């Protein structure tokens, strides 16, 4: 992890080797350290966040070759949040098991304000047709702190499935 605060504060951060994710740290103070899902023990992540913009995935899935695209979108994001706050509105009672190869995670879906407007802006500015990613927090992982990217609704459908709340079980 290469977490760096952005936009002049602690509310938003970039992550990834090249800063290709823009996220927002969140807290769930009373979660158990481990949960068992389908016979496997998953461990609470040490850092929890909602990934807001998967810049690297936008580039990959759109076959974009725009010089300094990560830096440009990060600057666009910081300019946007000067006048429009992006916040978690609610955490849904919707948990999903995500699996890719041997990796497994448990996520909780959430709703975020104003991010759709930011995506409208970058789509227009860069000539993209990128959809709002499925908003979620990765809470638990099978391999310590190893998440699975869910860049769009297709990823959510292919890689995850609903489960009952594993925390209250």
Protein backbone atom coordinates (compact mmCIF):
# COMPACT_ATOMS: atom_id res chain seq x y z
CA UNK A 1 0.00 0.00 0.00
CA UNK A 2 1.18 3.46 -0.85
CA UNK A 3 -1.51 5.57 0.81
CA UNK A 4 -1.05 9.32 0.42
CA UNK A 5 -3.45 12.07 1.54
CA UNK A 6 -4.61 14.23 -1.38
CA UNK A 7 -6.62 17.40 -1.93
CA UNK A 8 -5.01 19.20 1.01
CA UNK A 9 -6.45 17.10 3.84
CA UNK A 10 -7.05 13.66 5.28
CA UNK A 11 -10.54 13.04 3.87
CA UNK A 12 -9.36 11.66 0.52
CA UNK A 13 -6.31 9.60 -0.35
CA UNK A 14 -4.53 8.03 -3.28
CA UNK A 15 -3.31 4.48 -3.15
CA UNK A 16 -1.51 2.00 -5.35
CA UNK A 17 2.03 1.95 -6.68
CA UNK A 18 1.29 4.88 -9.00
CA UNK A 19 -1.59 6.50 -7.13
CA UNK A 20 -4.11 4.82 -9.41
CA UNK A 21 -6.89 4.66 -6.81
CA UNK A 22 -8.68 7.56 -5.14
CA UNK A 23 -10.33 6.54 -1.90
CA UNK A 24 -11.86 7.77 1.30
CA UNK A 25 -10.82 6.19 4.63
CA UNK A 26 -13.66 4.93 6.82
CA UNK A 27 -13.94 3.43 10.30
CA UNK A 28 -15.88 0.55 11.80
CA UNK A 29 -14.54 0.53 15.37
CA UNK A 30 -16.22 -2.57 16.79
CA UNK A 31 -15.66 -5.24 14.17
CA UNK A 32 -14.28 -8.62 15.20
CA UNK A 33 -10.72 -9.39 14.09
CA UNK A 34 -11.79 -12.57 12.28
CA UNK A 35 -14.96 -14.01 10.78
CA UNK A 36 -15.73 -17.43 9.33
CA UNK A 37 -17.46 -17.55 5.95
CA UNK A 38 -18.21 -20.90 4.37
CA UNK A 39 -15.67 -22.61 6.59
CA UNK A 40 -12.82 -20.18 5.89
CA UNK A 41 -11.43 -17.62 8.33
CA UNK A 42 -11.10 -14.12 6.93
CA UNK A 43 -9.22 -11.34 8.73
CA UNK A 44 -10.20 -7.70 9.21
CA UNK A 45 -8.21 -5.34 6.99
CA UNK A 46 -5.85 -3.02 8.82
CA UNK A 47 -7.01 -0.02 6.73
CA UNK A 48 -10.59 0.44 5.58
CA UNK A 49 -11.66 2.70 2.73
CA UNK A 50 -14.19 3.24 0.00
CA UNK A 51 -12.47 3.34 -3.38
CA UNK A 52 -14.07 6.19 -5.28
CA UNK A 53 -12.19 6.22 -8.58
CA UNK A 54 -10.18 3.32 -10.06
CA UNK A 55 -8.08 5.42 -12.42
CA UNK A 56 -5.87 2.48 -13.36
CA UNK A 57 -8.89 0.33 -14.24
CA UNK A 58 -10.42 3.15 -16.27
CA UNK A 59 -7.22 3.28 -18.28
CA UNK A 60 -7.00 -0.51 -18.63
CA UNK A 61 -10.63 -1.18 -19.58
CA UNK A 62 -10.84 1.85 -21.89
CA UNK A 63 -7.44 1.20 -23.53
CA UNK A 64 -6.48 4.78 -22.67
CA UNK A 65 -3.08 6.15 -23.47
CA UNK A 66 -3.22 9.70 -22.15
CA UNK A 67 0.04 11.04 -20.73
CA UNK A 68 -0.16 11.70 -16.98
CA UNK A 69 -3.80 10.53 -16.89
CA UNK A 70 -3.57 9.46 -13.22
CA UNK A 71 -2.25 12.86 -12.18
CA UNK A 72 -4.80 14.68 -14.35
CA UNK A 73 -7.80 12.80 -12.92
CA UNK A 74 -6.46 13.22 -9.38
CA UNK A 75 -6.15 16.99 -9.97
CA UNK A 76 -9.67 17.01 -11.47
CA UNK A 77 -10.97 15.19 -8.39
CA UNK A 78 -9.31 17.64 -5.99
CA UNK A 79 -10.71 20.59 -7.93
CA UNK A 80 -14.18 18.98 -7.90
CA UNK A 81 -14.24 18.38 -4.13
CA UNK A 82 -13.35 22.03 -3.46
CA UNK A 83 -17.00 22.83 -4.18
CA UNK A 84 -18.77 19.46 -4.01
CA UNK A 85 -18.22 17.12 -1.09
CA UNK A 86 -18.16 13.38 -1.67
CA UNK A 87 -19.28 11.46 1.42
CA UNK A 88 -20.61 8.07 2.44
CA UNK A 89 -24.38 8.50 2.79
CA UNK A 90 -25.13 5.07 4.22
CA UNK A 91 -23.80 1.57 4.62
CA UNK A 92 -26.30 -0.92 3.27
CA UNK A 93 -27.22 -4.16 4.96
CA UNK A 94 -25.77 -5.83 1.86
CA UNK A 95 -22.71 -8.00 2.24
CA UNK A 96 -21.02 -9.89 -0.59
CA UNK A 97 -18.38 -12.58 -0.85
CA UNK A 98 -15.93 -11.69 -3.61
CA UNK A 99 -13.65 -14.34 -5.11
CA UNK A 100 -10.95 -14.19 -7.75
CA UNK A 101 -8.62 -17.17 -8.05
CA UNK A 102 -7.57 -18.06 -4.53
CA UNK A 103 -8.34 -14.59 -3.19
CA UNK A 104 -11.53 -14.00 -1.21
CA UNK A 105 -12.94 -10.93 0.48
CA UNK A 106 -16.10 -9.82 2.24
CA UNK A 107 -17.42 -6.41 1.28
CA UNK A 108 -20.23 -4.19 2.50
CA UNK A 109 -22.04 -2.10 -0.08
CA UNK A 110 -22.60 1.61 0.51
CA UNK A 111 -23.99 4.74 -1.11
CA UNK A 112 -21.82 7.79 -1.78
CA UNK A 113 -22.95 11.34 -2.54
CA UNK A 114 -22.05 13.35 -5.64
CA UNK A 115 -19.63 10.84 -7.17
CA UNK A 116 -21.93 10.37 -10.15
CA UNK A 117 -21.45 14.06 -10.98
CA UNK A 118 -17.67 13.63 -10.90
CA UNK A 119 -17.91 10.67 -13.28
CA UNK A 120 -20.14 12.71 -15.60
CA UNK A 121 -17.44 15.40 -15.57
CA UNK A 122 -14.49 13.10 -16.36
CA UNK A 123 -16.49 11.21 -18.97
CA UNK A 124 -17.21 14.45 -20.79
CA UNK A 125 -13.73 15.91 -20.35
CA UNK A 126 -11.88 12.80 -21.57
CA UNK A 127 -14.47 11.40 -23.99
CA UNK A 128 -15.14 8.32 -21.85
CA UNK A 129 -18.21 6.25 -21.10
CA UNK A 130 -17.20 5.04 -17.66
CA UNK A 131 -19.87 4.01 -15.18
CA UNK A 132 -19.89 4.68 -11.47
CA UNK A 133 -18.14 1.74 -9.79
CA UNK A 134 -20.01 -0.36 -7.20
CA UNK A 135 -19.44 1.51 -3.95
CA UNK A 136 -18.27 -0.76 -1.15
CA UNK A 137 -15.84 -1.24 1.72
CA UNK A 138 -13.66 -4.35 1.77
CA UNK A 139 -13.85 -5.44 5.39
CA UNK A 140 -12.27 -8.88 5.50
CA UNK A 141 -9.76 -10.75 3.35
CA UNK A 142 -8.60 -14.36 3.19
CA UNK A 143 -5.03 -13.29 2.46
CA UNK A 144 -3.98 -10.45 4.78
CA UNK A 145 -4.98 -7.07 3.30
CA UNK A 146 -5.33 -8.42 -0.26
CA UNK A 147 -8.43 -6.94 -1.85
CA UNK A 148 -10.09 -7.60 -5.19
CA UNK A 149 -10.86 -4.71 -7.54
CA UNK A 150 -14.51 -4.23 -8.51
CA UNK A 151 -14.31 -1.55 -11.17
CA UNK A 152 -17.83 -1.83 -12.58
CA UNK A 153 -21.17 -3.64 -12.40
CA UNK A 154 -19.80 -6.43 -14.58
CA UNK A 155 -17.01 -7.14 -12.07
CA UNK A 156 -19.53 -7.09 -9.22
CA UNK A 157 -21.75 -9.60 -11.01
CA UNK A 158 -18.95 -11.93 -12.13
CA UNK A 159 -16.80 -11.90 -9.00
CA UNK A 160 -19.24 -11.63 -6.10
CA UNK A 161 -22.44 -12.94 -4.64
CA UNK A 162 -24.66 -11.84 -1.76
CA UNK A 163 -24.17 -13.40 1.66
CA UNK A 164 -25.90 -12.90 4.99
CA UNK A 165 -24.29 -10.46 7.40
CA UNK A 166 -21.24 -12.47 8.56
CA UNK A 167 -20.53 -10.10 11.43
CA UNK A 168 -23.78 -10.65 13.29
CA UNK A 169 -23.66 -14.42 12.75
